[in-house]
Amino acid sequence: MQGPVHQLLELLDLERIDTRLFRGFSPPGERRRVFGGQVLGQALVAAGRTVDERTLHSMHAYFLRPGDPDHPLIYEVDLIRDGKSFTTRRVVAVQHGRPIFNLSASFQVSEPGFDHQAPAPDTVAPEQLQTEESELAERYRQDPDNYRHPDYFEWPVEFRHADTANTNRDRAHPPHHRVWMRAAAQLPDDPLLHQCVLAYASDRGFLATALLPHAVSIDHAQLQAASLDHAMWFHRPFRADEWLLYVQDSPSATNARGFCRGQVFNQAGTLVASTSQEGLIRHRS
């Protein structure tokens, strides 16, 4: 998996074309639109390159238009605020002269304070679980209309599903899902890079949690699905190349939208990040 991880690091190494302008590219392939996690990660890189010695603690983003994978993305950073403790940046991604995405990110000077967290749930260790590639490739052979082709799984992030029954889409499940994930090769030590990789990974499959009670796959031919927004809060330091447990739930789906929440724990049970997302889940005849 060194190849996909190296490709991800290249995607996140944006070209600086002016003080507050950056250019990013998409990987070669047959995607019809740019993966949302890629835009999240690249926008955070652009914001972080205008900030000195402060740690990213939150981001809120909206996906405005589908991204074109055959053309570069231009990221423009607005220096909204540089305070004593907090720094705020706004990033707009532009393609073909139109904004396709915007993001607000906040960075903070590290300081001591109150500390508590939600407990991590009990779950099977990742080493005891089947890889996603082998699990879903078998399901594709059984039901190709409801699952993606095995070639889809050349990902720079490794996933192992703790709730394996949820990958069986022929029946309904409660809207809860747990999945282990980590970068498939060792990453450099830059903390912002690890946050960007987690942002990249957190978008993949998240919206599918809202479909679990409806026995519909996110890949189903009659489903139109797309992320509308994405928010993250980074609580504590972590490494994205070590196992992280992504605990997801969906408290609501209505009006062709699904809402999902997530908590990210390391293997020691430390809560390192939280996420939320709303997305389009429209059934088409």
Protein backbone atom coordinates (compact mmCIF):
# COMPACT_ATOMS: atom_id res chain seq x y z
CA MET A 1 0.00 0.00 0.00
CA GLN A 2 3.03 2.33 -0.19
CA GLY A 3 1.85 3.50 -3.64
CA PRO A 4 -1.62 4.77 -2.61
CA VAL A 5 -0.20 6.45 0.53
CA HIS A 6 2.54 8.13 -1.49
CA GLN A 7 -0.15 9.32 -3.92
CA LEU A 8 -2.20 10.73 -1.01
CA LEU A 9 0.83 12.63 0.30
CA GLU A 10 1.35 14.08 -3.18
CA LEU A 11 -2.33 15.14 -3.29
CA LEU A 12 -1.90 16.96 0.02
CA ASP A 13 1.35 18.67 -1.01
CA LEU A 14 -0.29 21.66 -2.68
CA GLU A 15 1.49 23.95 -5.09
CA ARG A 16 1.75 27.49 -3.75
CA ILE A 17 1.06 29.92 -6.60
CA ASP A 18 0.76 33.10 -4.49
CA THR A 19 0.77 34.14 -0.82
CA ARG A 20 -2.79 32.90 -0.23
CA LEU A 21 -3.40 30.85 -3.39
CA PHE A 22 -2.72 27.13 -3.73
CA ARG A 23 -3.28 24.59 -6.48
CA GLY A 24 -4.22 20.95 -5.97
CA PHE A 25 -4.86 18.03 -8.29
CA SER A 26 -6.91 14.83 -8.26
CA PRO A 27 -5.52 11.32 -8.76
CA PRO A 28 -5.89 9.70 -12.18
CA GLY A 29 -8.84 7.35 -12.43
CA GLU A 30 -12.42 7.01 -13.55
CA ARG A 31 -14.20 8.98 -10.81
CA ARG A 32 -17.06 11.13 -12.05
CA ARG A 33 -16.42 13.73 -9.35
CA VAL A 34 -13.72 14.63 -6.85
CA PHE A 35 -13.89 12.67 -3.59
CA GLY A 36 -15.09 14.98 -0.81
CA GLY A 37 -12.40 13.83 1.62
CA GLN A 38 -9.74 14.93 -0.85
CA VAL A 39 -11.11 18.49 -0.94
CA LEU A 40 -11.37 18.54 2.87
CA GLY A 41 -7.76 17.46 3.27
CA GLN A 42 -6.39 19.83 0.63
CA ALA A 43 -8.33 22.81 2.01
CA LEU A 44 -6.94 22.14 5.50
CA VAL A 45 -3.42 22.01 4.08
CA ALA A 46 -3.99 25.39 2.39
CA ALA A 47 -5.30 26.92 5.63
CA GLY A 48 -2.50 25.43 7.72
CA ARG A 49 0.21 26.86 5.46
CA THR A 50 -0.88 30.37 6.44
CA VAL A 51 -0.73 29.67 10.20
CA ASP A 52 2.34 29.48 12.47
CA GLU A 53 2.69 27.31 15.60
CA ARG A 54 -1.00 26.85 16.30
CA THR A 55 -3.00 23.63 16.30
CA LEU A 56 -6.09 23.01 14.19
CA HIS A 57 -9.02 22.35 16.53
CA SER A 58 -12.13 22.63 14.34
CA MET A 59 -13.37 22.93 10.77
CA HIS A 60 -16.78 23.43 9.15
CA ALA A 61 -17.22 22.89 5.42
CA TYR A 62 -19.88 22.95 2.71
CA PHE A 63 -19.77 21.09 -0.58
CA LEU A 64 -21.33 23.47 -3.11
CA ARG A 65 -20.80 21.78 -6.48
CA PRO A 66 -19.31 18.49 -7.68
CA GLY A 67 -15.58 18.74 -8.32
CA ASP A 68 -14.13 17.92 -11.75
CA PRO A 69 -11.34 15.34 -11.30
CA ASP A 70 -9.83 16.21 -14.70
CA HIS A 71 -8.97 19.80 -13.76
CA PRO A 72 -6.92 21.37 -10.93
CA LEU A 73 -8.55 22.91 -7.88
CA ILE A 74 -7.57 26.44 -6.80
CA TYR A 75 -7.72 27.12 -3.06
CA GLU A 76 -7.93 30.74 -1.92
CA VAL A 77 -7.30 31.43 1.77
CA ASP A 78 -8.77 34.45 3.57
CA LEU A 79 -6.90 35.52 6.71
CA ILE A 80 -10.04 36.18 8.76
CA ARG A 81 -8.48 36.63 12.21
CA ASP A 82 -5.18 36.32 14.06
CA GLY A 83 -5.92 36.69 17.77
CA LYS A 84 -3.83 36.04 20.87
CA SER A 85 -5.21 32.50 21.29
CA PHE A 86 -7.16 31.68 18.13
CA THR A 87 -6.56 32.02 14.40
CA THR A 88 -9.39 31.73 11.87
CA ARG A 89 -9.07 30.97 8.18
CA ARG A 90 -11.64 30.71 5.39
CA VAL A 91 -10.82 28.62 2.32
CA VAL A 92 -12.72 28.59 -0.97
CA ALA A 93 -12.03 25.94 -3.62
CA VAL A 94 -12.64 27.14 -7.19
CA GLN A 95 -12.94 25.27 -10.48
CA HIS A 96 -13.92 26.65 -13.88
CA GLY A 97 -14.34 30.09 -12.31
CA ARG A 98 -16.96 28.94 -9.75
CA PRO A 99 -16.68 28.03 -6.05
CA ILE A 100 -17.29 24.33 -5.45
CA PHE A 101 -16.46 24.19 -1.72
CA ASN A 102 -15.84 26.45 1.25
CA LEU A 103 -14.35 25.81 4.66
CA SER A 104 -13.79 27.69 7.91
CA ALA A 105 -10.99 26.44 10.14
CA SER A 106 -9.89 27.53 13.61
CA PHE A 107 -6.43 27.09 15.12
CA GLN A 108 -5.50 27.54 18.78
CA VAL A 109 -2.41 28.08 20.91
CA SER A 110 -2.00 25.00 23.15
CA GLU A 111 -2.95 25.64 26.78
CA PRO A 112 -3.98 23.59 29.86
CA GLY A 113 -7.63 23.33 30.91
CA PHE A 114 -10.47 21.11 32.10
CA ASP A 115 -10.40 17.60 30.67
CA HIS A 116 -13.04 14.88 30.29
CA GLN A 117 -14.25 12.62 27.50
CA ALA A 118 -16.91 10.10 26.53
CA PRO A 119 -15.82 6.49 27.06
CA ALA A 120 -14.83 4.36 24.10
CA PRO A 121 -17.18 1.47 23.31
CA ASP A 122 -16.08 -2.14 23.67
CA THR A 123 -15.25 -3.65 20.32
CA VAL A 124 -13.16 -6.31 18.62
CA ALA A 125 -9.51 -5.40 18.05
CA PRO A 126 -8.67 -4.55 14.42
CA GLU A 127 -6.12 -7.36 14.18
CA GLN A 128 -8.96 -9.86 14.64
CA LEU A 129 -11.08 -8.46 11.80
CA GLN A 130 -11.17 -9.15 8.09
CA THR A 131 -9.93 -6.46 5.73
CA GLU A 132 -12.59 -4.45 3.95
CA GLU A 133 -11.15 -5.41 0.58
CA SER A 134 -11.65 -9.13 1.09
CA GLU A 135 -15.01 -8.74 2.81
CA LEU A 136 -16.64 -6.48 0.22
CA ALA A 137 -15.04 -8.18 -2.78
CA GLU A 138 -16.91 -11.33 -1.79
CA ARG A 139 -20.15 -9.38 -1.45
CA TYR A 140 -19.59 -7.83 -4.89
CA ARG A 141 -19.34 -11.29 -6.42
CA GLN A 142 -22.67 -12.18 -4.83
CA ASP A 143 -24.50 -8.89 -5.58
CA PRO A 144 -22.72 -6.57 -8.08
CA ASP A 145 -25.66 -4.11 -8.21
CA ASN A 146 -25.30 -3.28 -4.51
CA TYR A 147 -21.51 -3.23 -4.09
CA ARG A 148 -18.51 -1.64 -5.76
CA HIS A 149 -16.05 -3.48 -7.95
CA PRO A 150 -13.01 -4.84 -6.04
CA ASP A 151 -10.70 -2.51 -8.01
CA TYR A 152 -12.26 0.35 -6.01
CA PHE A 153 -10.33 -0.65 -2.91
CA GLU A 154 -6.88 0.69 -3.78
CA TRP A 155 -7.19 3.16 -0.92
CA PRO A 156 -4.38 4.83 1.05
CA VAL A 157 -6.38 4.17 4.23
CA GLU A 158 -7.08 0.67 5.51
CA PHE A 159 -10.57 -0.05 6.88
CA ARG A 160 -11.77 -2.97 9.01
CA HIS A 161 -15.44 -3.09 9.98
CA ALA A 162 -16.20 -4.04 13.58
CA ASP A 163 -19.92 -4.24 12.80
CA THR A 164 -19.50 -6.69 9.97
CA ALA A 165 -23.23 -7.45 9.71
CA ASN A 166 -23.78 -3.87 8.51
CA THR A 167 -21.95 -4.59 5.27
CA ASN A 168 -24.79 -6.96 4.33
CA ARG A 169 -27.23 -4.56 2.63
CA ASP A 170 -30.06 -7.01 1.94
CA ARG A 171 -31.70 -6.26 5.30
CA ALA A 172 -32.14 -3.28 7.62
CA HIS A 173 -29.79 -2.54 10.52
CA PRO A 174 -29.86 0.04 13.34
CA PRO A 175 -28.12 3.28 12.28
CA HIS A 176 -24.89 2.60 14.17
CA HIS A 177 -21.54 1.53 12.77
CA ARG A 178 -17.98 1.05 14.03
CA VAL A 179 -14.96 0.80 11.76
CA TRP A 180 -11.22 0.74 12.44
CA MET A 181 -9.04 2.77 10.09
CA ARG A 182 -5.43 3.83 9.64
CA ALA A 183 -3.14 5.03 6.87
CA ALA A 184 -1.79 1.98 5.07
CA ALA A 185 1.85 3.09 5.51
CA GLN A 186 3.81 5.23 7.95
CA LEU A 187 3.29 8.99 7.62
CA PRO A 188 5.66 11.89 8.37
CA ASP A 189 5.42 13.35 11.88
CA ASP A 190 3.66 16.63 10.98
CA PRO A 191 0.51 16.80 13.24
CA LEU A 192 -1.45 18.84 10.69
CA LEU A 193 -0.79 16.16 8.05
CA HIS A 194 -2.29 13.52 10.36
CA GLN A 195 -5.37 15.72 10.86
CA CYS A 196 -5.69 16.14 7.09
CA VAL A 197 -5.45 12.38 6.53
CA LEU A 198 -8.13 11.79 9.17
CA ALA A 199 -10.36 14.40 7.50
CA TYR A 200 -9.79 12.61 4.18
CA ALA A 201 -10.74 9.24 5.68
CA SER A 202 -13.67 10.49 7.77
CA ASP A 203 -15.76 11.32 4.68
CA ARG A 204 -15.58 7.82 3.23
CA GLY A 205 -18.65 5.77 4.00
CA PHE A 206 -19.90 8.18 6.67
CA LEU A 207 -23.20 8.95 4.95
CA ALA A 208 -23.88 5.24 4.47
CA THR A 209 -24.73 5.04 8.19
CA ALA A 210 -27.95 6.97 7.49
CA LEU A 211 -29.00 4.24 5.03
CA LEU A 212 -28.57 1.27 7.38
CA PRO A 213 -32.24 1.25 8.58
CA HIS A 214 -33.41 1.29 4.96
CA ALA A 215 -31.47 -1.69 3.56
CA VAL A 216 -30.04 0.44 0.75
CA SER A 217 -26.38 0.61 -0.26
CA ILE A 218 -24.66 3.96 -0.80
CA ASP A 219 -23.57 2.45 -4.14
CA HIS A 220 -27.05 1.42 -5.31
CA ALA A 221 -27.82 2.43 -8.89
CA GLN A 222 -31.13 4.06 -7.87
CA LEU A 223 -29.63 6.19 -5.12
CA GLN A 224 -28.28 9.72 -5.59
CA ALA A 225 -25.96 10.40 -2.65
CA ALA A 226 -23.61 13.31 -1.97
CA SER A 227 -22.07 15.03 1.05
CA LEU A 228 -23.61 18.45 1.70
CA ASP A 229 -21.46 19.54 4.62
CA HIS A 230 -18.84 18.19 6.99
CA ALA A 231 -17.62 19.34 10.41
CA MET A 232 -14.77 18.10 12.59
CA TRP A 233 -13.39 18.90 16.03
CA PHE A 234 -9.89 17.75 16.95
CA HIS A 235 -9.64 17.13 20.69
CA ARG A 236 -6.30 15.47 21.36
CA PRO A 237 -3.09 14.50 19.51
CA PHE A 238 -3.10 11.28 17.47
CA ARG A 239 -1.41 9.51 14.58
CA ALA A 240 -3.45 8.65 11.51
CA ASP A 241 -1.07 5.77 10.70
CA GLU A 242 -2.10 4.00 13.93
CA TRP A 243 -5.47 2.28 14.39
CA LEU A 244 -8.38 4.64 15.07
CA LEU A 245 -11.93 3.50 15.86
CA TYR A 246 -14.57 5.54 14.01
CA VAL A 247 -17.88 5.21 15.88
CA GLN A 248 -20.81 6.47 13.76
CA ASP A 249 -24.52 6.93 14.26
CA SER A 250 -27.39 8.58 12.37
CA PRO A 251 -30.10 10.13 14.57
CA SER A 252 -32.20 11.36 11.63
CA ALA A 253 -33.02 10.99 7.94
CA THR A 254 -35.70 13.14 6.36
CA ASN A 255 -36.49 15.26 3.28
CA ALA A 256 -33.93 13.33 1.17
CA ARG A 257 -31.16 14.15 3.69
CA GLY A 258 -29.34 11.96 6.17
CA PHE A 259 -27.57 13.31 9.27
CA CYS A 260 -24.62 11.45 10.81
CA ARG A 261 -22.35 11.89 13.84
CA GLY A 262 -19.01 10.31 14.61
CA GLN A 263 -16.45 9.90 17.38
CA VAL A 264 -12.84 8.84 16.75
CA PHE A 265 -10.90 6.95 19.43
CA ASN A 266 -7.36 5.61 19.44
CA GLN A 267 -6.60 2.07 20.62
CA ALA A 268 -6.03 3.31 24.18
CA GLY A 269 -9.64 4.56 24.25
CA THR A 270 -8.75 8.25 24.02
CA LEU A 271 -11.28 10.42 22.17
CA VAL A 272 -9.19 12.28 19.59
CA ALA A 273 -11.82 13.79 17.26
CA SER A 274 -15.54 14.21 16.59
CA THR A 275 -17.35 14.59 13.27
CA SER A 276 -20.77 15.39 11.86
CA GLN A 277 -22.19 15.41 8.37
CA GLU A 278 -25.44 15.87 6.48
CA GLY A 279 -25.79 14.47 3.00
CA LEU A 280 -28.21 14.00 0.15
CA ILE A 281 -29.79 10.53 -0.02
CA ARG A 282 -32.33 10.74 -2.83
CA HIS A 283 -34.05 7.67 -4.21
CA ARG A 284 -34.47 7.78 -7.99
CA SER A 285 -36.85 5.59 -9.95
